[in-house]
Protein backbone atom coordinates (compact mmCIF):
# COMPACT_ATOMS: atom_id res chain seq x y z
CA UNK A 1 42.00 14.91 139.32
CA UNK A 2 39.92 12.97 136.63
CA UNK A 3 43.38 12.40 135.38
CA UNK A 4 44.53 10.54 138.51
CA UNK A 5 41.09 8.10 138.47
CA UNK A 6 41.49 7.40 134.59
CA UNK A 7 45.40 6.05 135.68
CA UNK A 8 44.24 4.51 138.41
CA UNK A 9 41.76 2.59 136.72
CA UNK A 10 43.99 1.91 133.93
CA UNK A 11 46.82 0.43 136.20
CA UNK A 12 43.81 -1.66 138.29
CA UNK A 13 42.86 -3.30 134.97
CA UNK A 14 46.38 -3.70 133.36
CA UNK A 15 47.66 -5.28 137.19
CA UNK A 16 44.06 -7.68 136.95
CA UNK A 17 45.93 -9.30 133.62
CA UNK A 18 49.13 -9.38 135.05
CA UNK A 19 50.60 -6.73 132.58
CA UNK A 20 51.95 -3.40 133.11
CA UNK A 21 52.63 -0.22 131.00
CA UNK A 22 56.09 1.39 131.17
CA UNK A 23 55.03 4.89 129.32
CA UNK A 24 52.09 5.05 132.16
CA UNK A 25 53.77 4.08 135.12
CA UNK A 26 56.64 6.75 134.55
CA UNK A 27 54.28 9.59 133.10
CA UNK A 28 55.50 12.30 135.71
CA UNK A 29 51.61 13.33 136.41
CA UNK A 30 49.95 10.18 137.01
CA UNK A 31 52.68 7.58 137.02
CA UNK A 32 52.41 6.92 140.89
CA UNK A 33 48.20 6.38 140.31
CA UNK A 34 48.91 4.28 137.83
CA UNK A 35 51.44 2.23 139.68
CA UNK A 36 49.16 2.06 142.68
CA UNK A 37 46.31 0.37 140.03
CA UNK A 38 48.41 -1.96 138.83
CA UNK A 39 49.49 -3.43 142.54
CA UNK A 40 45.73 -2.98 143.47
CA UNK A 41 44.90 -4.82 140.82
CA UNK A 42 47.28 -7.83 140.93
CA UNK A 43 46.33 -8.10 144.59
CA UNK A 44 42.69 -8.69 143.68
CA UNK A 45 43.33 -10.91 140.52
CA UNK A 46 45.66 -12.85 143.29
CA UNK A 47 42.62 -13.02 145.75
CA UNK A 48 40.40 -14.23 143.03
CA UNK A 49 42.78 -17.37 142.25
CA UNK A 50 43.09 -18.23 145.90
CA UNK A 51 39.63 -17.92 146.42
CA UNK A 52 39.13 -20.14 143.76
CA UNK A 53 41.93 -22.56 144.36
CA UNK A 54 40.54 -23.01 147.89
CA UNK A 55 36.83 -23.90 146.60
CA UNK A 56 38.62 -26.64 143.99
CA UNK A 57 40.32 -28.03 146.78
CA UNK A 58 36.87 -28.21 149.53
CA UNK A 59 34.48 -29.65 146.34
CA UNK A 60 37.29 -32.39 146.24
CA UNK A 61 37.04 -33.41 149.88
CA UNK A 62 33.43 -33.58 149.93
């Protein structure tokens, strides 16, 4: 179970950074956890960028 958390966390970090490790993603035991982490990290990065852009736009209109 610990390996799954480590793989997910690595995937989340990679996803937030916009990278992907093919060898980790294809690992038969933890690849799925890593890939889910990549997606979650990518979504989190997108949300952060979206919020920053909205704040920037709101500041320009004031």
